[in-house]
Amino acid sequence: MEGKSCFLIGHRETSSKLLPILIQTVEKHISEYGVTAFIVGRYGNFDHLAARAVISLKQKYPKITLSLLIPYHPAERPIETPPGFDNTYYPPGMETVPRRIAIVRANRYMVDHVDYLIANAWHPASNARNLVEYAHKRERNGLMMVTLLGSPD
Protein backbone atom coordinates (compact mmCIF):
# COMPACT_ATOMS: atom_id res chain seq x y z
CA MET A 1 0.00 0.00 0.00
CA GLU A 2 1.45 3.30 -1.08
CA GLY A 3 0.69 6.55 0.72
CA LYS A 4 -1.17 6.70 3.99
CA SER A 5 -3.60 3.90 4.70
CA CYS A 6 -6.68 3.42 6.87
CA PHE A 7 -8.45 0.27 8.00
CA LEU A 8 -12.12 0.43 9.00
CA ILE A 9 -13.64 -2.04 11.45
CA GLY A 10 -16.87 -2.31 13.41
CA HIS A 11 -19.68 -4.55 14.54
CA ARG A 12 -21.84 -6.41 12.07
CA GLU A 13 -25.07 -5.02 13.59
CA THR A 14 -24.04 -1.35 13.26
CA SER A 15 -26.99 0.93 12.51
CA SER A 16 -27.27 2.43 9.04
CA LYS A 17 -27.68 5.78 10.81
CA LEU A 18 -23.89 5.78 11.13
CA LEU A 19 -23.36 6.33 7.38
CA PRO A 20 -23.27 10.17 7.44
CA ILE A 21 -20.77 10.09 10.32
CA LEU A 22 -18.66 7.57 8.44
CA ILE A 23 -18.66 9.71 5.28
CA GLN A 24 -17.63 12.77 7.28
CA THR A 25 -14.89 10.85 9.11
CA VAL A 26 -13.49 9.25 5.94
CA GLU A 27 -13.45 12.65 4.23
CA LYS A 28 -11.55 14.14 7.18
CA HIS A 29 -8.97 11.35 6.88
CA ILE A 30 -8.54 12.17 3.18
CA SER A 31 -8.48 15.96 3.38
CA GLU A 32 -6.68 16.47 6.71
CA TYR A 33 -4.50 13.38 7.14
CA GLY A 34 -3.69 12.56 3.52
CA VAL A 35 -5.09 9.03 3.52
CA THR A 36 -5.26 7.60 0.01
CA ALA A 37 -5.83 3.86 0.67
CA PHE A 38 -8.78 2.43 2.58
CA ILE A 39 -9.22 -1.22 3.51
CA VAL A 40 -12.48 -2.79 4.69
CA GLY A 41 -13.84 -6.30 5.26
CA ARG A 42 -17.18 -7.69 4.09
CA TYR A 43 -18.81 -9.49 6.99
CA GLY A 44 -21.34 -7.13 8.49
CA ASN A 45 -23.27 -3.89 8.24
CA PHE A 46 -20.35 -1.76 9.44
CA ASP A 47 -18.19 -3.12 6.61
CA HIS A 48 -20.98 -2.43 4.13
CA LEU A 49 -21.42 1.13 5.43
CA ALA A 50 -17.67 1.77 5.46
CA ALA A 51 -17.38 0.67 1.83
CA ARG A 52 -20.34 2.88 0.87
CA ALA A 53 -18.72 5.86 2.62
CA VAL A 54 -15.43 5.46 0.75
CA ILE A 55 -17.13 4.74 -2.59
CA SER A 56 -19.29 7.85 -2.18
CA LEU A 57 -16.13 9.98 -1.89
CA LYS A 58 -14.24 8.47 -4.83
CA GLN A 59 -15.69 10.96 -7.35
CA LYS A 60 -14.62 13.93 -5.25
CA TYR A 61 -11.24 12.33 -4.46
CA PRO A 62 -10.36 10.19 -7.51
CA LYS A 63 -6.92 9.21 -6.16
CA ILE A 64 -8.27 7.24 -3.19
CA THR A 65 -8.48 3.47 -3.38
CA LEU A 66 -10.68 0.93 -1.65
CA SER A 67 -9.43 -2.60 -1.00
CA LEU A 68 -11.48 -5.55 0.20
CA LEU A 69 -9.72 -7.47 2.97
CA ILE A 70 -10.08 -11.20 2.40
CA PRO A 71 -9.17 -13.46 5.34
CA TYR A 72 -9.40 -16.77 3.47
CA HIS A 73 -6.94 -17.82 0.79
CA PRO A 74 -8.24 -16.77 -2.63
CA ALA A 75 -7.55 -20.24 -4.06
CA GLU A 76 -9.79 -21.76 -1.37
CA ARG A 77 -12.54 -19.19 -1.61
CA PRO A 78 -12.26 -17.16 -4.85
CA ILE A 79 -13.72 -13.67 -4.65
CA GLU A 80 -14.26 -11.25 -7.49
CA THR A 81 -13.53 -7.62 -6.73
CA PRO A 82 -16.94 -6.11 -5.87
CA PRO A 83 -18.21 -3.00 -7.69
CA GLY A 84 -16.68 0.18 -6.28
CA PHE A 85 -13.60 -1.62 -4.91
CA ASP A 86 -10.23 -1.30 -6.61
CA ASN A 87 -8.85 -4.68 -5.54
CA THR A 88 -8.82 -7.40 -2.92
CA TYR A 89 -6.10 -7.81 -0.32
CA TYR A 90 -5.00 -11.09 1.24
CA PRO A 91 -2.41 -10.46 3.98
CA PRO A 92 0.89 -12.29 3.55
CA GLY A 93 1.57 -15.23 5.83
CA MET A 94 -2.11 -16.12 6.30
CA GLU A 95 -1.82 -19.47 4.49
CA THR A 96 -1.15 -21.39 7.71
CA VAL A 97 -3.74 -19.62 9.89
CA PRO A 98 -6.65 -21.88 10.95
CA ARG A 99 -9.97 -20.85 9.37
CA ARG A 100 -11.62 -20.28 12.75
CA ILE A 101 -9.26 -17.39 13.54
CA ALA A 102 -8.55 -16.14 10.00
CA ILE A 103 -10.74 -13.01 10.28
CA VAL A 104 -9.25 -12.06 13.66
CA ARG A 105 -5.71 -12.57 12.37
CA ALA A 106 -6.33 -10.65 9.11
CA ASN A 107 -7.79 -7.73 11.10
CA ARG A 108 -4.80 -7.74 13.44
CA TYR A 109 -2.44 -7.74 10.46
CA MET A 110 -4.16 -4.65 9.11
CA VAL A 111 -3.87 -2.78 12.42
CA ASP A 112 -0.15 -3.63 12.43
CA HIS A 113 0.32 -2.25 8.91
CA VAL A 114 -1.86 0.87 8.51
CA ASP A 115 -1.44 4.47 9.59
CA TYR A 116 -5.04 5.02 10.72
CA LEU A 117 -7.95 3.03 12.13
CA ILE A 118 -11.59 4.10 12.02
CA ALA A 119 -13.61 1.89 14.35
CA ASN A 120 -17.11 1.49 15.68
CA ALA A 121 -16.68 -1.10 18.42
CA TRP A 122 -18.68 -0.81 21.60
CA HIS A 123 -19.29 -4.44 22.67
CA PRO A 124 -16.86 -4.98 25.55
CA ALA A 125 -16.24 -8.67 24.87
CA SER A 126 -15.75 -8.63 21.11
CA ASN A 127 -12.84 -9.16 18.78
CA ALA A 128 -13.41 -5.71 17.27
CA ARG A 129 -13.21 -4.10 20.70
CA ASN A 130 -10.06 -6.10 21.55
CA LEU A 131 -8.53 -4.93 18.31
CA VAL A 132 -9.34 -1.30 19.14
CA GLU A 133 -7.64 -1.69 22.53
CA TYR A 134 -4.59 -3.13 20.78
CA ALA A 135 -4.65 -0.24 18.28
CA HIS A 136 -4.77 2.27 21.14
CA LYS A 137 -1.52 0.77 22.47
CA ARG A 138 0.06 1.28 19.05
CA GLU A 139 -1.33 4.81 19.02
CA ARG A 140 0.29 5.59 22.40
CA ASN A 141 3.60 4.49 20.88
CA GLY A 142 3.11 6.89 17.96
CA LEU A 143 2.60 4.10 15.42
CA MET A 144 -0.91 4.97 14.25
CA MET A 145 -3.97 7.13 14.93
CA VAL A 146 -7.32 5.69 16.04
CA THR A 147 -10.70 7.33 15.49
CA LEU A 148 -13.43 5.69 17.55
CA LEU A 149 -16.96 6.43 16.38
CA GLY A 150 -19.96 6.45 18.66
CA SER A 151 -23.11 4.58 17.79
CA PRO A 152 -26.02 6.84 16.84
CA ASP A 153 -29.33 5.97 18.47
C-alpha atoms as a PDB file:
ATOM      1  CA  MET A   1       0.000   0.000   0.000  1.00  0.00           C
ATOM      2  CA  GLU A   2       1.450   3.305  -1.077  1.00  0.00           C
ATOM      3  CA  GLY A   3       0.691   6.547   0.718  1.00  0.00           C
ATOM      4  CA  LYS A   4      -1.171   6.700   3.987  1.00  0.00           C
ATOM      5  CA  SER A   5      -3.605   3.901   4.697  1.00  0.00           C
ATOM      6  CA  CYS A   6      -6.683   3.425   6.871  1.00  0.00           C
ATOM      7  CA  PHE A   7      -8.446   0.267   8.005  1.00  0.00           C
ATOM      8  CA  LEU A   8     -12.120   0.432   8.996  1.00  0.00           C
ATOM      9  CA  ILE A   9     -13.641  -2.042  11.450  1.00  0.00           C
ATOM     10  CA  GLY A  10     -16.866  -2.314  13.414  1.00  0.00           C
ATOM     11  CA  HIS A  11     -19.685  -4.552  14.542  1.00  0.00           C
ATOM     12  CA  ARG A  12     -21.841  -6.408  12.070  1.00  0.00           C
ATOM     13  CA  GLU A  13     -25.069  -5.021  13.586  1.00  0.00           C
ATOM     14  CA  THR A  14     -24.037  -1.347  13.261  1.00  0.00           C
ATOM     15  CA  SER A  15     -26.987   0.928  12.512  1.00  0.00           C
ATOM     16  CA  SER A  16     -27.269   2.425   9.036  1.00  0.00           C
ATOM     17  CA  LYS A  17     -27.679   5.777  10.806  1.00  0.00           C
ATOM     18  CA  LEU A  18     -23.888   5.782  11.135  1.00  0.00           C
ATOM     19  CA  LEU A  19     -23.364   6.329   7.380  1.00  0.00           C
ATOM     20  CA  PRO A  20     -23.270  10.170   7.437  1.00  0.00           C
ATOM     21  CA  ILE A  21     -20.772  10.087  10.322  1.00  0.00           C
ATOM     22  CA  LEU A  22     -18.655   7.571   8.441  1.00  0.00           C
ATOM     23  CA  ILE A  23     -18.656   9.705   5.284  1.00  0.00           C
ATOM     24  CA  GLN A  24     -17.632  12.769   7.284  1.00  0.00           C
ATOM     25  CA  THR A  25     -14.886  10.846   9.105  1.00  0.00           C
ATOM     26  CA  VAL A  26     -13.488   9.250   5.942  1.00  0.00           C
ATOM     27  CA  GLU A  27     -13.449  12.646   4.229  1.00  0.00           C
ATOM     28  CA  LYS A  28     -11.547  14.135   7.177  1.00  0.00           C
ATOM     29  CA  HIS A  29      -8.969  11.355   6.879  1.00  0.00           C
ATOM     30  CA  ILE A  30      -8.545  12.167   3.177  1.00  0.00           C
ATOM     31  CA  SER A  31      -8.476  15.960   3.383  1.00  0.00           C
ATOM     32  CA  GLU A  32      -6.681  16.473   6.707  1.00  0.00           C
ATOM     33  CA  TYR A  33      -4.498  13.382   7.144  1.00  0.00           C
ATOM     34  CA  GLY A  34      -3.691  12.564   3.521  1.00  0.00           C
ATOM     35  CA  VAL A  35      -5.087   9.030   3.522  1.00  0.00           C
ATOM     36  CA  THR A  36      -5.265   7.595   0.012  1.00  0.00           C
ATOM     37  CA  ALA A  37      -5.831   3.864   0.669  1.00  0.00           C
ATOM     38  CA  PHE A  38      -8.785   2.430   2.576  1.00  0.00           C
ATOM     39  CA  ILE A  39      -9.223  -1.221   3.510  1.00  0.00           C
ATOM     40  CA  VAL A  40     -12.479  -2.792   4.694  1.00  0.00           C
ATOM     41  CA  GLY A  41     -13.840  -6.299   5.257  1.00  0.00           C
ATOM     42  CA  ARG A  42     -17.176  -7.686   4.093  1.00  0.00           C
ATOM     43  CA  TYR A  43     -18.813  -9.492   6.993  1.00  0.00           C
ATOM     44  CA  GLY A  44     -21.344  -7.126   8.486  1.00  0.00           C
ATOM     45  CA  ASN A  45     -23.266  -3.895   8.243  1.00  0.00           C
ATOM     46  CA  PHE A  46     -20.349  -1.756   9.440  1.00  0.00           C
ATOM     47  CA  ASP A  47     -18.186  -3.118   6.613  1.00  0.00           C
ATOM     48  CA  HIS A  48     -20.978  -2.428   4.130  1.00  0.00           C
ATOM     49  CA  LEU A  49     -21.422   1.128   5.430  1.00  0.00           C
ATOM     50  CA  ALA A  50     -17.668   1.773   5.463  1.00  0.00           C
ATOM     51  CA  ALA A  51     -17.385   0.669   1.829  1.00  0.00           C
ATOM     52  CA  ARG A  52     -20.341   2.883   0.870  1.00  0.00           C
ATOM     53  CA  ALA A  53     -18.719   5.858   2.617  1.00  0.00           C
ATOM     54  CA  VAL A  54     -15.433   5.459   0.746  1.00  0.00           C
ATOM     55  CA  ILE A  55     -17.129   4.742  -2.590  1.00  0.00           C
ATOM     56  CA  SER A  56     -19.290   7.852  -2.177  1.00  0.00           C
ATOM     57  CA  LEU A  57     -16.133   9.984  -1.891  1.00  0.00           C
ATOM     58  CA  LYS A  58     -14.243   8.475  -4.832  1.00  0.00           C
ATOM     59  CA  GLN A  59     -15.694  10.962  -7.349  1.00  0.00           C
ATOM     60  CA  LYS A  60     -14.623  13.927  -5.249  1.00  0.00           C
ATOM     61  CA  TYR A  61     -11.242  12.333  -4.457  1.00  0.00           C
ATOM     62  CA  PRO A  62     -10.355  10.188  -7.507  1.00  0.00           C
ATOM     63  CA  LYS A  63      -6.920   9.209  -6.158  1.00  0.00           C
ATOM     64  CA  ILE A  64      -8.270   7.243  -3.191  1.00  0.00           C
ATOM     65  CA  THR A  65      -8.479   3.468  -3.384  1.00  0.00           C
ATOM     66  CA  LEU A  66     -10.679   0.929  -1.648  1.00  0.00           C
ATOM     67  CA  SER A  67      -9.431  -2.601  -1.003  1.00  0.00           C
ATOM     68  CA  LEU A  68     -11.475  -5.549   0.204  1.00  0.00           C
ATOM     69  CA  LEU A  69      -9.719  -7.474   2.967  1.00  0.00           C
ATOM     70  CA  ILE A  70     -10.081 -11.197   2.399  1.00  0.00           C
ATOM     71  CA  PRO A  71      -9.168 -13.461   5.337  1.00  0.00           C
ATOM     72  CA  TYR A  72      -9.395 -16.773   3.469  1.00  0.00           C
ATOM     73  CA  HIS A  73      -6.936 -17.822   0.794  1.00  0.00           C
ATOM     74  CA  PRO A  74      -8.240 -16.775  -2.633  1.00  0.00           C
ATOM     75  CA  ALA A  75      -7.548 -20.241  -4.064  1.00  0.00           C
ATOM     76  CA  GLU A  76      -9.787 -21.759  -1.373  1.00  0.00           C
ATOM     77  CA  ARG A  77     -12.541 -19.188  -1.611  1.00  0.00           C
ATOM     78  CA  PRO A  78     -12.258 -17.161  -4.847  1.00  0.00           C
ATOM     79  CA  ILE A  79     -13.723 -13.668  -4.650  1.00  0.00           C
ATOM     80  CA  GLU A  80     -14.256 -11.246  -7.488  1.00  0.00           C
ATOM     81  CA  THR A  81     -13.535  -7.623  -6.731  1.00  0.00           C
ATOM     82  CA  PRO A  82     -16.937  -6.106  -5.875  1.00  0.00           C
ATOM     83  CA  PRO A  83     -18.210  -3.002  -7.691  1.00  0.00           C
ATOM     84  CA  GLY A  84     -16.675   0.177  -6.277  1.00  0.00           C
ATOM     85  CA  PHE A  85     -13.595  -1.619  -4.914  1.00  0.00           C
ATOM     86  CA  ASP A  86     -10.228  -1.299  -6.605  1.00  0.00           C
ATOM     87  CA  ASN A  87      -8.853  -4.681  -5.539  1.00  0.00           C
ATOM     88  CA  THR A  88      -8.819  -7.397  -2.924  1.00  0.00           C
ATOM     89  CA  TYR A  89      -6.100  -7.814  -0.321  1.00  0.00           C
ATOM     90  CA  TYR A  90      -5.003 -11.091   1.238  1.00  0.00           C
ATOM     91  CA  PRO A  91      -2.407 -10.465   3.981  1.00  0.00           C
ATOM     92  CA  PRO A  92       0.893 -12.294   3.550  1.00  0.00           C
ATOM     93  CA  GLY A  93       1.565 -15.226   5.833  1.00  0.00           C
ATOM     94  CA  MET A  94      -2.107 -16.118   6.295  1.00  0.00           C
ATOM     95  CA  GLU A  95      -1.825 -19.466   4.488  1.00  0.00           C
ATOM     96  CA  THR A  96      -1.150 -21.394   7.711  1.00  0.00           C
ATOM     97  CA  VAL A  97      -3.739 -19.623   9.889  1.00  0.00           C
ATOM     98  CA  PRO A  98      -6.652 -21.881  10.946  1.00  0.00           C
ATOM     99  CA  ARG A  99      -9.967 -20.851   9.366  1.00  0.00           C
ATOM    100  CA  ARG A 100     -11.624 -20.283  12.754  1.00  0.00           C
ATOM    101  CA  ILE A 101      -9.262 -17.391  13.537  1.00  0.00           C
ATOM    102  CA  ALA A 102      -8.554 -16.137  10.000  1.00  0.00           C
ATOM    103  CA  ILE A 103     -10.743 -13.011  10.280  1.00  0.00           C
ATOM    104  CA  VAL A 104      -9.252 -12.063  13.656  1.00  0.00           C
ATOM    105  CA  ARG A 105      -5.706 -12.574  12.368  1.00  0.00           C
ATOM    106  CA  ALA A 106      -6.335 -10.647   9.114  1.00  0.00           C
ATOM    107  CA  ASN A 107      -7.792  -7.733  11.097  1.00  0.00           C
ATOM    108  CA  ARG A 108      -4.797  -7.736  13.436  1.00  0.00           C
ATOM    109  CA  TYR A 109      -2.441  -7.737  10.464  1.00  0.00           C
ATOM    110  CA  MET A 110      -4.156  -4.651   9.105  1.00  0.00           C
ATOM    111  CA  VAL A 111      -3.868  -2.783  12.419  1.00  0.00           C
ATOM    112  CA  ASP A 112      -0.154  -3.630  12.427  1.00  0.00           C
ATOM    113  CA  HIS A 113       0.322  -2.249   8.906  1.00  0.00           C
ATOM    114  CA  VAL A 114      -1.856   0.868   8.514  1.00  0.00           C
ATOM    115  CA  ASP A 115      -1.440   4.470   9.588  1.00  0.00           C
ATOM    116  CA  TYR A 116      -5.045   5.018  10.718  1.00  0.00           C
ATOM    117  CA  LEU A 117      -7.949   3.029  12.125  1.00  0.00           C
ATOM    118  CA  ILE A 118     -11.587   4.104  12.020  1.00  0.00           C
ATOM    119  CA  ALA A 119     -13.614   1.892  14.354  1.00  0.00           C
ATOM    120  CA  ASN A 120     -17.112   1.488  15.677  1.00  0.00           C
ATOM    121  CA  ALA A 121     -16.684  -1.105  18.415  1.00  0.00           C
ATOM    122  CA  TRP A 122     -18.685  -0.814  21.597  1.00  0.00           C
ATOM    123  CA  HIS A 123     -19.293  -4.441  22.668  1.00  0.00           C
ATOM    124  CA  PRO A 124     -16.858  -4.982  25.551  1.00  0.00           C
ATOM    125  CA  ALA A 125     -16.240  -8.674  24.870  1.00  0.00           C
ATOM    126  CA  SER A 126     -15.752  -8.626  21.112  1.00  0.00           C
ATOM    127  CA  ASN A 127     -12.837  -9.162  18.780  1.00  0.00           C
ATOM    128  CA  ALA A 128     -13.411  -5.709  17.271  1.00  0.00           C
ATOM    129  CA  ARG A 129     -13.205  -4.101  20.702  1.00  0.00           C
ATOM    130  CA  ASN A 130     -10.061  -6.101  21.552  1.00  0.00           C
ATOM    131  CA  LEU A 131      -8.527  -4.928  18.307  1.00  0.00           C
ATOM    132  CA  VAL A 132      -9.338  -1.303  19.140  1.00  0.00           C
ATOM    133  CA  GLU A 133      -7.644  -1.693  22.527  1.00  0.00           C
ATOM    134  CA  TYR A 134      -4.590  -3.129  20.782  1.00  0.00           C
ATOM    135  CA  ALA A 135      -4.654  -0.238  18.278  1.00  0.00           C
ATOM    136  CA  HIS A 136      -4.774   2.269  21.145  1.00  0.00           C
ATOM    137  CA  LYS A 137      -1.518   0.766  22.472  1.00  0.00           C
ATOM    138  CA  ARG A 138       0.055   1.277  19.052  1.00  0.00           C
ATOM    139  CA  GLU A 139      -1.332   4.808  19.022  1.00  0.00           C
ATOM    140  CA  ARG A 140       0.287   5.586  22.396  1.00  0.00           C
ATOM    141  CA  ASN A 141       3.601   4.485  20.881  1.00  0.00           C
ATOM    142  CA  GLY A 142       3.107   6.889  17.956  1.00  0.00           C
ATOM    143  CA  LEU A 143       2.600   4.101  15.418  1.00  0.00           C
ATOM    144  CA  MET A 144      -0.906   4.967  14.248  1.00  0.00           C
ATOM    145  CA  MET A 145      -3.966   7.130  14.934  1.00  0.00           C
ATOM    146  CA  VAL A 146      -7.319   5.693  16.044  1.00  0.00           C
ATOM    147  CA  THR A 147     -10.698   7.329  15.491  1.00  0.00           C
ATOM    148  CA  LEU A 148     -13.433   5.685  17.547  1.00  0.00           C
ATOM    149  CA  LEU A 149     -16.959   6.428  16.376  1.00  0.00           C
ATOM    150  CA  GLY A 150     -19.957   6.450  18.665  1.00  0.00           C
ATOM    151  CA  SER A 151     -23.108   4.578  17.792  1.00  0.00           C
ATOM    152  CA  PRO A 152     -26.017   6.844  16.842  1.00  0.00           C
ATOM    153  CA  ASP A 153     -29.329   5.968  18.474  1.00  0.00           C
END
